[in-house]
PDB file of N, CA and C in Angstrom:
ATOM      1  N   MET A   1     -17.767  37.317  -6.520  1.00  0.00           N
ATOM      2  CA  MET A   1     -16.351  37.638  -6.149  1.00  0.00           C
ATOM      3  C   MET A   1     -15.246  36.475  -6.382  1.00  0.00           C
ATOM      4  N   GLU A   2     -14.073  36.661  -7.254  1.00  0.00           N
ATOM      5  CA  GLU A   2     -13.664  35.412  -7.168  1.00  0.00           C
ATOM      6  C   GLU A   2     -12.273  35.700  -6.476  1.00  0.00           C
ATOM      7  N   ALA A   3     -11.869  34.671  -6.387  1.00  0.00           N
ATOM      8  CA  ALA A   3     -10.538  34.677  -5.332  1.00  0.00           C
ATOM      9  C   ALA A   3      -9.445  33.234  -5.848  1.00  0.00           C
ATOM     10  N   SER A   4      -8.315  33.143  -5.971  1.00  0.00           N
ATOM     11  CA  SER A   4      -7.567  32.565  -6.706  1.00  0.00           C
ATOM     12  C   SER A   4      -5.850  32.200  -5.968  1.00  0.00           C
ATOM     13  N   ALA A   5      -5.367  31.538  -6.191  1.00  0.00           N
ATOM     14  CA  ALA A   5      -3.902  30.892  -5.912  1.00  0.00           C
ATOM     15  C   ALA A   5      -3.311  30.083  -6.844  1.00  0.00           C
ATOM     16  N   LYS A   6      -2.041  30.534  -6.907  1.00  0.00           N
ATOM     17  CA  LYS A   6      -1.375  29.613  -7.880  1.00  0.00           C
ATOM     18  C   LYS A   6      -0.043  29.222  -7.316  1.00  0.00           C
ATOM     19  N   LEU A   7       0.523  27.860  -7.582  1.00  0.00           N
ATOM     20  CA  LEU A   7       1.603  27.474  -7.176  1.00  0.00           C
ATOM     21  C   LEU A   7       2.225  26.971  -8.178  1.00  0.00           C
ATOM     22  N   LYS A   8       3.784  27.703  -8.476  1.00  0.00           N
ATOM     23  CA  LYS A   8       4.390  27.243  -9.552  1.00  0.00           C
ATOM     24  C   LYS A   8       5.569  26.570  -9.228  1.00  0.00           C
ATOM     25  N   SER A   9       6.310  25.728 -10.710  1.00  0.00           N
ATOM     26  CA  SER A   9       7.350  24.864 -10.199  1.00  0.00           C
ATOM     27  C   SER A   9       7.472  23.704  -9.190  1.00  0.00           C
ATOM     28  N   VAL A  10       6.399  23.417  -9.028  1.00  0.00           N
ATOM     29  CA  VAL A  10       6.053  21.969  -8.036  1.00  0.00           C
ATOM     30  C   VAL A  10       6.884  20.868  -8.206  1.00  0.00           C
ATOM     31  N   ARG A  11       7.610  19.969  -7.950  1.00  0.00           N
ATOM     32  CA  ARG A  11       7.958  18.571  -8.670  1.00  0.00           C
ATOM     33  C   ARG A  11       6.751  17.564  -8.492  1.00  0.00           C
ATOM     34  N   LEU A  12       5.835  17.689  -9.248  1.00  0.00           N
ATOM     35  CA  LEU A  12       4.803  17.108  -9.681  1.00  0.00           C
ATOM     36  C   LEU A  12       4.715  16.716 -11.142  1.00  0.00           C
ATOM     37  N   SER A  13       4.470  15.406 -11.493  1.00  0.00           N
ATOM     38  CA  SER A  13       4.178  15.262 -12.923  1.00  0.00           C
ATOM     39  C   SER A  13       2.750  15.812 -13.231  1.00  0.00           C
ATOM     40  N   PRO A  14       2.299  16.953 -14.412  1.00  0.00           N
ATOM     41  CA  PRO A  14       1.435  17.380 -14.716  1.00  0.00           C
ATOM     42  C   PRO A  14       0.174  16.483 -15.186  1.00  0.00           C
ATOM     43  N   GLN A  15       0.711  15.471 -15.378  1.00  0.00           N
ATOM     44  CA  GLN A  15       0.026  14.205 -15.918  1.00  0.00           C
ATOM     45  C   GLN A  15      -0.631  13.741 -14.757  1.00  0.00           C
ATOM     46  N   LYS A  16      -0.108  13.337 -14.073  1.00  0.00           N
ATOM     47  CA  LYS A  16      -0.636  12.628 -12.509  1.00  0.00           C
ATOM     48  C   LYS A  16      -1.641  13.703 -11.649  1.00  0.00           C
ATOM     49  N   THR A  17      -1.045  15.006 -11.740  1.00  0.00           N
ATOM     50  CA  THR A  17      -1.540  15.770 -11.002  1.00  0.00           C
ATOM     51  C   THR A  17      -3.025  16.244 -11.759  1.00  0.00           C
ATOM     52  N   ARG A  18      -2.811  16.610 -12.744  1.00  0.00           N
ATOM     53  CA  ARG A  18      -4.183  16.837 -13.653  1.00  0.00           C
ATOM     54  C   ARG A  18      -5.364  15.675 -13.228  1.00  0.00           C
ATOM     55  N   LEU A  19      -5.018  14.265 -13.196  1.00  0.00           N
ATOM     56  CA  LEU A  19      -5.842  13.265 -12.555  1.00  0.00           C
ATOM     57  C   LEU A  19      -6.272  13.587 -11.053  1.00  0.00           C
ATOM     58  N   VAL A  20      -5.834  14.080 -10.025  1.00  0.00           N
ATOM     59  CA  VAL A  20      -6.301  14.463  -8.979  1.00  0.00           C
ATOM     60  C   VAL A  20      -7.386  15.698  -8.878  1.00  0.00           C
ATOM     61  N   VAL A  21      -6.736  16.785  -9.740  1.00  0.00           N
ATOM     62  CA  VAL A  21      -7.354  18.287 -10.021  1.00  0.00           C
ATOM     63  C   VAL A  21      -8.973  17.291 -10.485  1.00  0.00           C
ATOM     64  N   ASP A  22      -8.860  16.827 -11.341  1.00  0.00           N
ATOM     65  CA  ASP A  22     -10.131  16.571 -11.794  1.00  0.00           C
ATOM     66  C   ASP A  22     -11.129  16.192 -11.262  1.00  0.00           C
ATOM     67  N   MET A  23     -10.999  15.540 -10.005  1.00  0.00           N
ATOM     68  CA  MET A  23     -11.734  15.064  -9.111  1.00  0.00           C
ATOM     69  C   MET A  23     -12.591  16.165  -7.941  1.00  0.00           C
ATOM     70  N   VAL A  24     -11.887  17.225  -8.362  1.00  0.00           N
ATOM     71  CA  VAL A  24     -12.282  18.399  -7.093  1.00  0.00           C
ATOM     72  C   VAL A  24     -12.905  19.590  -7.835  1.00  0.00           C
ATOM     73  N   ARG A  25     -12.631  19.574  -9.216  1.00  0.00           N
ATOM     74  CA  ARG A  25     -13.471  20.838 -10.063  1.00  0.00           C
ATOM     75  C   ARG A  25     -15.121  20.811 -10.240  1.00  0.00           C
ATOM     76  N   GLY A  26     -15.369  21.959  -9.709  1.00  0.00           N
ATOM     77  CA  GLY A  26     -16.777  22.186  -9.588  1.00  0.00           C
ATOM     78  C   GLY A  26     -17.801  21.838  -8.105  1.00  0.00           C
ATOM     79  N   LYS A  27     -16.631  21.375  -7.205  1.00  0.00           N
ATOM     80  CA  LYS A  27     -17.137  20.927  -5.881  1.00  0.00           C
ATOM     81  C   LYS A  27     -16.959  21.962  -4.792  1.00  0.00           C
ATOM     82  N   ALA A  28     -17.895  22.137  -3.938  1.00  0.00           N
ATOM     83  CA  ALA A  28     -17.927  23.203  -2.733  1.00  0.00           C
ATOM     84  C   ALA A  28     -16.511  22.494  -2.047  1.00  0.00           C
ATOM     85  N   VAL A  29     -16.147  23.822  -1.673  1.00  0.00           N
ATOM     86  CA  VAL A  29     -14.367  24.116  -1.088  1.00  0.00           C
ATOM     87  C   VAL A  29     -14.522  22.838  -0.140  1.00  0.00           C
ATOM     88  N   GLN A  30     -15.609  22.424   0.969  1.00  0.00           N
ATOM     89  CA  GLN A  30     -15.567  21.633   1.998  1.00  0.00           C
ATOM     90  C   GLN A  30     -15.509  20.290   1.279  1.00  0.00           C
ATOM     91  N   GLU A  31     -16.079  20.105   0.393  1.00  0.00           N
ATOM     92  CA  GLU A  31     -16.363  18.808   0.082  1.00  0.00           C
ATOM     93  C   GLU A  31     -14.953  18.440  -1.158  1.00  0.00           C
ATOM     94  N   ALA A  32     -14.767  19.385  -1.309  1.00  0.00           N
ATOM     95  CA  ALA A  32     -13.361  19.275  -2.140  1.00  0.00           C
ATOM     96  C   ALA A  32     -12.502  18.757  -1.218  1.00  0.00           C
ATOM     97  N   LEU A  33     -11.988  19.637  -0.042  1.00  0.00           N
ATOM     98  CA  LEU A  33     -11.222  19.147   1.032  1.00  0.00           C
ATOM     99  C   LEU A  33     -11.278  17.750   1.444  1.00  0.00           C
ATOM    100  N   ASN A  34     -12.216  17.150   1.718  1.00  0.00           N
ATOM    101  CA  ASN A  34     -12.501  15.760   2.236  1.00  0.00           C
ATOM    102  C   ASN A  34     -12.068  14.744   1.255  1.00  0.00           C
ATOM    103  N   ILE A  35     -12.233  15.331  -0.226  1.00  0.00           N
ATOM    104  CA  ILE A  35     -11.608  14.160  -1.039  1.00  0.00           C
ATOM    105  C   ILE A  35     -10.183  14.431  -1.249  1.00  0.00           C
ATOM    106  N   LEU A  36      -9.630  15.563  -1.362  1.00  0.00           N
ATOM    107  CA  LEU A  36      -8.342  15.580  -1.305  1.00  0.00           C
ATOM    108  C   LEU A  36      -7.621  14.717   0.113  1.00  0.00           C
ATOM    109  N   LYS A  37      -8.296  14.844   1.183  1.00  0.00           N
ATOM    110  CA  LYS A  37      -7.951  14.400   2.245  1.00  0.00           C
ATOM    111  C   LYS A  37      -7.863  12.722   2.535  1.00  0.00           C
ATOM    112  N   PHE A  38      -8.364  12.205   1.818  1.00  0.00           N
ATOM    113  CA  PHE A  38      -8.512  10.710   1.764  1.00  0.00           C
ATOM    114  C   PHE A  38      -8.228  10.218   0.608  1.00  0.00           C
ATOM    115  N   SER A  39      -7.638  11.159  -0.478  1.00  0.00           N
ATOM    116  CA  SER A  39      -6.863  10.505  -1.792  1.00  0.00           C
ATOM    117  C   SER A  39      -5.331   9.899  -1.322  1.00  0.00           C
ATOM    118  N   PRO A  40      -5.235   8.645  -2.191  1.00  0.00           N
ATOM    119  CA  PRO A  40      -4.025   8.365  -1.765  1.00  0.00           C
ATOM    120  C   PRO A  40      -2.761   8.650  -2.980  1.00  0.00           C
ATOM    121  N   GLN A  41      -3.222   9.906  -3.665  1.00  0.00           N
ATOM    122  CA  GLN A  41      -2.086  10.339  -4.706  1.00  0.00           C
ATOM    123  C   GLN A  41      -1.727  11.370  -3.967  1.00  0.00           C
ATOM    124  N   ARG A  42      -0.107  11.490  -4.108  1.00  0.00           N
ATOM    125  CA  ARG A  42       0.964  12.200  -3.653  1.00  0.00           C
ATOM    126  C   ARG A  42       0.271  13.782  -4.284  1.00  0.00           C
ATOM    127  N   PRO A  43       0.078  14.266  -5.098  1.00  0.00           N
ATOM    128  CA  PRO A  43      -0.386  15.737  -5.342  1.00  0.00           C
ATOM    129  C   PRO A  43      -1.415  16.104  -4.486  1.00  0.00           C
ATOM    130  N   ALA A  44      -2.482  15.039  -4.145  1.00  0.00           N
ATOM    131  CA  ALA A  44      -3.458  15.797  -3.149  1.00  0.00           C
ATOM    132  C   ALA A  44      -3.287  16.658  -2.281  1.00  0.00           C
ATOM    133  N   ASP A  45      -2.369  16.249  -1.273  1.00  0.00           N
ATOM    134  CA  ASP A  45      -1.809  16.763  -0.403  1.00  0.00           C
ATOM    135  C   ASP A  45      -1.525  18.536  -0.979  1.00  0.00           C
ATOM    136  N   VAL A  46      -0.848  18.530  -1.819  1.00  0.00           N
ATOM    137  CA  VAL A  46      -0.425  19.931  -2.564  1.00  0.00           C
ATOM    138  C   VAL A  46      -1.600  20.783  -3.016  1.00  0.00           C
ATOM    139  N   VAL A  47      -2.693  19.689  -3.433  1.00  0.00           N
ATOM    140  CA  VAL A  47      -3.605  20.709  -4.133  1.00  0.00           C
ATOM    141  C   VAL A  47      -4.626  21.024  -2.834  1.00  0.00           C
ATOM    142  N   ALA A  48      -4.916  20.328  -1.910  1.00  0.00           N
ATOM    143  CA  ALA A  48      -5.424  20.528  -0.611  1.00  0.00           C
ATOM    144  C   ALA A  48      -4.796  21.860  -0.223  1.00  0.00           C
ATOM    145  N   LYS A  49      -3.593  21.928  -0.125  1.00  0.00           N
ATOM    146  CA  LYS A  49      -2.944  23.083   0.676  1.00  0.00           C
ATOM    147  C   LYS A  49      -3.080  24.608  -0.374  1.00  0.00           C
ATOM    148  N   LEU A  50      -3.136  24.393  -1.633  1.00  0.00           N
ATOM    149  CA  LEU A  50      -3.363  25.458  -2.487  1.00  0.00           C
ATOM    150  C   LEU A  50      -5.323  25.578  -2.582  1.00  0.00           C
ATOM    151  N   VAL A  51      -5.537  24.761  -2.033  1.00  0.00           N
ATOM    152  CA  VAL A  51      -7.185  25.342  -2.025  1.00  0.00           C
ATOM    153  C   VAL A  51      -7.588  25.854  -0.829  1.00  0.00           C
ATOM    154  N   ARG A  52      -6.684  25.520   0.077  1.00  0.00           N
ATOM    155  CA  ARG A  52      -7.024  26.249   1.539  1.00  0.00           C
ATOM    156  C   ARG A  52      -6.194  27.675   1.575  1.00  0.00           C
ATOM    157  N   SER A  53      -5.197  27.736   0.897  1.00  0.00           N
ATOM    158  CA  SER A  53      -4.570  29.068   0.416  1.00  0.00           C
ATOM    159  C   SER A  53      -5.783  30.121  -0.426  1.00  0.00           C
ATOM    160  N   ALA A  54      -6.430  29.991  -1.099  1.00  0.00           N
ATOM    161  CA  ALA A  54      -7.288  30.358  -2.106  1.00  0.00           C
ATOM    162  C   ALA A  54      -8.394  30.474  -1.230  1.00  0.00           C
ATOM    163  N   VAL A  55      -8.726  29.766   0.122  1.00  0.00           N
ATOM    164  CA  VAL A  55     -10.007  30.562   0.588  1.00  0.00           C
ATOM    165  C   VAL A  55      -9.787  31.172   1.323  1.00  0.00           C
ATOM    166  N   ALA A  56      -8.212  31.479   2.245  1.00  0.00           N
ATOM    167  CA  ALA A  56      -7.682  32.559   2.779  1.00  0.00           C
ATOM    168  C   ALA A  56      -7.410  33.995   1.982  1.00  0.00           C
ATOM    169  N   ASN A  57      -7.373  33.533   0.620  1.00  0.00           N
ATOM    170  CA  ASN A  57      -7.078  35.059  -0.050  1.00  0.00           C
ATOM    171  C   ASN A  57      -8.822  35.232  -0.101  1.00  0.00           C
ATOM    172  N   ALA A  58      -9.865  34.419  -0.305  1.00  0.00           N
ATOM    173  CA  ALA A  58     -10.860  34.801  -0.402  1.00  0.00           C
ATOM    174  C   ALA A  58     -11.498  35.838   1.109  1.00  0.00           C
ATOM    175  N   GLU A  59     -11.025  35.277   2.324  1.00  0.00           N
ATOM    176  CA  GLU A  59     -11.296  35.912   3.271  1.00  0.00           C
ATOM    177  C   GLU A  59     -10.637  37.561   3.443  1.00  0.00           C
ATOM    178  N   GLN A  60      -9.277  37.288   2.999  1.00  0.00           N
ATOM    179  CA  GLN A  60      -8.673  38.463   2.815  1.00  0.00           C
ATOM    180  C   GLN A  60      -9.281  39.422   1.977  1.00  0.00           C
ATOM    181  N   LYS A  61      -9.886  38.995   0.932  1.00  0.00           N
ATOM    182  CA  LYS A  61     -10.784  40.209  -0.068  1.00  0.00           C
ATOM    183  C   LYS A  61     -11.883  40.685   0.391  1.00  0.00           C
ATOM    184  N   GLY A  62     -12.499  39.770   1.607  1.00  0.00           N
ATOM    185  CA  GLY A  62     -13.994  40.197   2.079  1.00  0.00           C
ATOM    186  C   GLY A  62     -15.095  39.597   1.411  1.00  0.00           C
ATOM    187  N   ILE A  63     -14.772  38.160   0.771  1.00  0.00           N
ATOM    188  CA  ILE A  63     -16.244  37.651   0.262  1.00  0.00           C
ATOM    189  C   ILE A  63     -17.246  37.395   1.529  1.00  0.00           C
ATOM    190  N   ALA A  64     -18.271  37.829   1.292  1.00  0.00           N
ATOM    191  CA  ALA A  64     -19.256  37.644   2.721  1.00  0.00           C
ATOM    192  C   ALA A  64     -19.029  36.094   3.079  1.00  0.00           C
ATOM    193  N   ASP A  65     -19.279  35.281   2.258  1.00  0.00           N
ATOM    194  CA  ASP A  65     -19.788  34.035   3.024  1.00  0.00           C
ATOM    195  C   ASP A  65     -18.631  32.838   2.319  1.00  0.00           C
ATOM    196  N   VAL A  66     -17.512  32.610   3.207  1.00  0.00           N
ATOM    197  CA  VAL A  66     -16.589  31.731   2.676  1.00  0.00           C
ATOM    198  C   VAL A  66     -16.986  30.146   2.637  1.00  0.00           C
ATOM    199  N   ASP A  67     -18.774  30.040   3.378  1.00  0.00           N
ATOM    200  CA  ASP A  67     -18.682  28.801   3.418  1.00  0.00           C
ATOM    201  C   ASP A  67     -19.663  28.221   1.778  1.00  0.00           C
ATOM    202  N   ARG A  68     -19.998  29.527   1.101  1.00  0.00           N
ATOM    203  CA  ARG A  68     -20.752  29.269  -0.179  1.00  0.00           C
ATOM    204  C   ARG A  68     -19.648  29.490  -1.332  1.00  0.00           C
ATOM    205  N   LEU A  69     -18.491  28.964  -1.072  1.00  0.00           N
ATOM    206  CA  LEU A  69     -17.251  29.240  -2.226  1.00  0.00           C
ATOM    207  C   LEU A  69     -17.178  27.251  -2.712  1.00  0.00           C
ATOM    208  N   PHE A  70     -17.247  27.595  -3.805  1.00  0.00           N
ATOM    209  CA  PHE A  70     -16.767  26.114  -4.449  1.00  0.00           C
ATOM    210  C   PHE A  70     -15.436  26.592  -5.546  1.00  0.00           C
ATOM    211  N   VAL A  71     -15.335  25.307  -6.338  1.00  0.00           N
ATOM    212  CA  VAL A  71     -14.083  25.112  -6.793  1.00  0.00           C
ATOM    213  C   VAL A  71     -14.436  25.906  -8.408  1.00  0.00           C
ATOM    214  N   LYS A  72     -14.389  27.062  -8.858  1.00  0.00           N
ATOM    215  CA  LYS A  72     -14.861  27.220 -10.322  1.00  0.00           C
ATOM    216  C   LYS A  72     -13.886  26.600 -11.171  1.00  0.00           C
ATOM    217  N   ALA A  73     -12.713  27.149 -11.022  1.00  0.00           N
ATOM    218  CA  ALA A  73     -11.672  26.281 -12.093  1.00  0.00           C
ATOM    219  C   ALA A  73     -10.270  25.983 -11.135  1.00  0.00           C
ATOM    220  N   VAL A  74      -9.813  25.003 -11.934  1.00  0.00           N
ATOM    221  CA  VAL A  74      -8.771  24.423 -11.411  1.00  0.00           C
ATOM    222  C   VAL A  74      -8.004  23.643 -12.564  1.00  0.00           C
ATOM    223  N   PHE A  75      -6.557  24.330 -12.797  1.00  0.00           N
ATOM    224  CA  PHE A  75      -5.842  23.732 -14.145  1.00  0.00           C
ATOM    225  C   PHE A  75      -4.269  23.544 -13.561  1.00  0.00           C
ATOM    226  N   VAL A  76      -3.717  22.638 -14.507  1.00  0.00           N
ATOM    227  CA  VAL A  76      -2.300  22.345 -14.157  1.00  0.00           C
ATOM    228  C   VAL A  76      -1.676  22.466 -15.759  1.00  0.00           C
ATOM    229  N   ASP A  77      -0.854  23.639 -15.605  1.00  0.00           N
ATOM    230  CA  ASP A  77      -0.058  23.736 -16.894  1.00  0.00           C
ATOM    231  C   ASP A  77       1.494  23.070 -16.480  1.00  0.00           C
ATOM    232  N   GLN A  78       2.161  22.616 -17.413  1.00  0.00           N
ATOM    233  CA  GLN A  78       3.316  22.083 -17.349  1.00  0.00           C
ATOM    234  C   GLN A  78       4.236  23.149 -17.059  1.00  0.00           C
ATOM    235  N   GLY A  79       5.196  22.996 -16.229  1.00  0.00           N
ATOM    236  CA  GLY A  79       6.229  23.625 -15.817  1.00  0.00           C
ATOM    237  C   GLY A  79       7.673  23.536 -16.564  1.00  0.00           C
ATOM    238  N   PRO A  80       9.010  23.625 -16.422  1.00  0.00           N
ATOM    239  CA  PRO A  80      10.104  23.308 -16.835  1.00  0.00           C
ATOM    240  C   PRO A  80      10.447  22.305 -16.463  1.00  0.00           C
ATOM    241  N   VAL A  81      11.058  21.396 -17.257  1.00  0.00           N
ATOM    242  CA  VAL A  81      11.763  20.448 -17.160  1.00  0.00           C
ATOM    243  C   VAL A  81      13.201  20.168 -16.865  1.00  0.00           C
ATOM    244  N   LEU A  82      13.265  19.472 -15.175  1.00  0.00           N
ATOM    245  CA  LEU A  82      14.653  19.052 -14.886  1.00  0.00           C
ATOM    246  C   LEU A  82      15.118  18.005 -15.831  1.00  0.00           C
ATOM    247  N   LYS A  83      16.438  18.182 -16.517  1.00  0.00           N
ATOM    248  CA  LYS A  83      16.855  17.201 -17.485  1.00  0.00           C
ATOM    249  C   LYS A  83      18.194  16.500 -16.563  1.00  0.00           C
ATOM    250  N   ARG A  84      18.048  15.393 -16.375  1.00  0.00           N
ATOM    251  CA  ARG A  84      19.560  14.771 -15.588  1.00  0.00           C
ATOM    252  C   ARG A  84      20.008  13.705 -16.201  1.00  0.00           C
ATOM    253  N   PHE A  85      20.922  13.065 -16.048  1.00  0.00           N
ATOM    254  CA  PHE A  85      21.534  11.998 -16.994  1.00  0.00           C
ATOM    255  C   PHE A  85      22.038  10.841 -15.530  1.00  0.00           C
ATOM    256  N   MET A  86      21.791   9.568 -15.923  1.00  0.00           N
ATOM    257  CA  MET A  86      22.225   8.694 -14.903  1.00  0.00           C
ATOM    258  C   MET A  86      23.338   7.721 -15.806  1.00  0.00           C
ATOM    259  N   PRO A  87      24.199   7.466 -15.099  1.00  0.00           N
ATOM    260  CA  PRO A  87      25.493   6.655 -15.857  1.00  0.00           C
ATOM    261  C   PRO A  87      25.000   5.074 -15.909  1.00  0.00           C
ATOM    262  N   ARG A  88      25.276   4.475 -17.195  1.00  0.00           N
ATOM    263  CA  ARG A  88      24.592   3.057 -17.446  1.00  0.00           C
ATOM    264  C   ARG A  88      25.609   2.234 -17.948  1.00  0.00           C
ATOM    265  N   ALA A  89      25.682   1.061 -18.130  1.00  0.00           N
ATOM    266  CA  ALA A  89      26.836   0.150 -18.580  1.00  0.00           C
ATOM    267  C   ALA A  89      27.426   0.367 -19.697  1.00  0.00           C
ATOM    268  N   GLN A  90      28.833   0.367 -19.754  1.00  0.00           N
ATOM    269  CA  GLN A  90      29.350   0.023 -20.753  1.00  0.00           C
ATOM    270  C   GLN A  90      29.580   1.929 -21.281  1.00  0.00           C
ATOM    271  N   GLY A  91      30.055   2.505 -20.512  1.00  0.00           N
ATOM    272  CA  GLY A  91      29.694   4.001 -20.505  1.00  0.00           C
ATOM    273  C   GLY A  91      29.086   4.744 -21.048  1.00  0.00           C
ATOM    274  N   ARG A  92      27.645   4.394 -20.944  1.00  0.00           N
ATOM    275  CA  ARG A  92      26.274   5.123 -21.546  1.00  0.00           C
ATOM    276  C   ARG A  92      25.709   5.612 -20.451  1.00  0.00           C
ATOM    277  N   ALA A  93      24.849   6.600 -21.192  1.00  0.00           N
ATOM    278  CA  ALA A  93      24.096   7.402 -19.992  1.00  0.00           C
ATOM    279  C   ALA A  93      22.795   7.174 -20.379  1.00  0.00           C
ATOM    280  N   THR A  94      21.878   7.584 -19.410  1.00  0.00           N
ATOM    281  CA  THR A  94      20.182   7.408 -19.390  1.00  0.00           C
ATOM    282  C   THR A  94      19.868   8.899 -19.219  1.00  0.00           C
ATOM    283  N   LYS A  95      18.836   9.482 -20.177  1.00  0.00           N
ATOM    284  CA  LYS A  95      18.468  10.959 -19.508  1.00  0.00           C
ATOM    285  C   LYS A  95      16.837  10.746 -18.614  1.00  0.00           C
ATOM    286  N   ILE A  96      17.059  11.524 -17.654  1.00  0.00           N
ATOM    287  CA  ILE A  96      16.377  11.242 -16.603  1.00  0.00           C
ATOM    288  C   ILE A  96      15.505  12.685 -16.844  1.00  0.00           C
ATOM    289  N   ARG A  97      14.206  12.654 -17.069  1.00  0.00           N
ATOM    290  CA  ARG A  97      13.371  14.060 -17.267  1.00  0.00           C
ATOM    291  C   ARG A  97      12.545  14.018 -15.753  1.00  0.00           C
ATOM    292  N   LYS A  98      12.774  14.878 -14.933  1.00  0.00           N
ATOM    293  CA  LYS A  98      11.992  15.425 -13.820  1.00  0.00           C
ATOM    294  C   LYS A  98      11.113  16.550 -14.308  1.00  0.00           C
ATOM    295  N   PRO A  99       9.891  16.611 -14.678  1.00  0.00           N
ATOM    296  CA  PRO A  99       8.756  17.515 -14.898  1.00  0.00           C
ATOM    297  C   PRO A  99       8.251  18.386 -13.665  1.00  0.00           C
ATOM    298  N   THR A 100       7.313  19.500 -13.687  1.00  0.00           N
ATOM    299  CA  THR A 100       7.235  20.356 -12.881  1.00  0.00           C
ATOM    300  C   THR A 100       5.890  20.867 -13.383  1.00  0.00           C
ATOM    301  N   SER A 101       5.087  21.397 -12.331  1.00  0.00           N
ATOM    302  CA  SER A 101       3.806  21.997 -12.883  1.00  0.00           C
ATOM    303  C   SER A 101       3.525  23.221 -12.422  1.00  0.00           C
ATOM    304  N   HIS A 102       2.682  23.965 -12.934  1.00  0.00           N
ATOM    305  CA  HIS A 102       2.227  25.210 -12.447  1.00  0.00           C
ATOM    306  C   HIS A 102       0.371  24.626 -12.261  1.00  0.00           C
ATOM    307  N   ILE A 103       0.160  24.952 -10.688  1.00  0.00           N
ATOM    308  CA  ILE A 103      -1.242  24.534 -10.752  1.00  0.00           C
ATOM    309  C   ILE A 103      -1.657  25.599 -10.217  1.00  0.00           C
ATOM    310  N   THR A 104      -3.173  26.078 -10.792  1.00  0.00           N
ATOM    311  CA  THR A 104      -4.060  27.257 -10.480  1.00  0.00           C
ATOM    312  C   THR A 104      -5.390  26.500  -9.972  1.00  0.00           C
ATOM    313  N   VAL A 105      -5.660  27.601  -9.005  1.00  0.00           N
ATOM    314  CA  VAL A 105      -7.202  27.185  -8.192  1.00  0.00           C
ATOM    315  C   VAL A 105      -7.867  28.697  -8.363  1.00  0.00           C
ATOM    316  N   VAL A 106      -9.104  28.598  -8.927  1.00  0.00           N
ATOM    317  CA  VAL A 106     -10.150  29.533  -8.847  1.00  0.00           C
ATOM    318  C   VAL A 106     -11.045  29.400  -7.800  1.00  0.00           C
ATOM    319  N   LEU A 107     -11.691  30.358  -6.718  1.00  0.00           N
ATOM    320  CA  LEU A 107     -13.002  29.937  -6.127  1.00  0.00           C
ATOM    321  C   LEU A 107     -13.882  30.729  -6.458  1.00  0.00           C
ATOM    322  N   ASP A 108     -15.371  30.596  -6.338  1.00  0.00           N
ATOM    323  CA  ASP A 108     -16.177  31.862  -6.520  1.00  0.00           C
ATOM    324  C   ASP A 108     -17.530  31.324  -5.870  1.00  0.00           C
ATOM    325  N   GLU A 109     -18.176  32.231  -5.425  1.00  0.00           N
ATOM    326  CA  GLU A 109     -19.306  32.229  -4.771  1.00  0.00           C
ATOM    327  C   GLU A 109     -20.450  31.480  -5.535  1.00  0.00           C
ATOM    328  N   LYS A 110     -21.605  30.630  -5.136  1.00  0.00           N
ATOM    329  CA  LYS A 110     -22.689  30.177  -5.541  1.00  0.00           C
ATOM    330  C   LYS A 110     -23.518  31.448  -5.504  1.00  0.00           C
TER     331      LYS A 110
END
């Protein structure tokens, strides 16, 4: 039985978040949380919180053994991009892109 958790429109770049997500795909939940705990990247805390949320969803669903859960699928989709402008010299303006991400974690039993 699968359990999942989603986080939408988080202010992280999808490209940088995918690097963190690739480290935990296919791992056991406890191993994935250990990897994320000691990872220096900024998205690691957000992904760890999402994995813990998926474990709580699995407990709520009544999955028999939470210790046997592993990360079946985890993926990052691009969300809306916030567009801003910064003033520059001689009356010009530079476009600033602030990307967002949609992160999905799916857990399953072994």
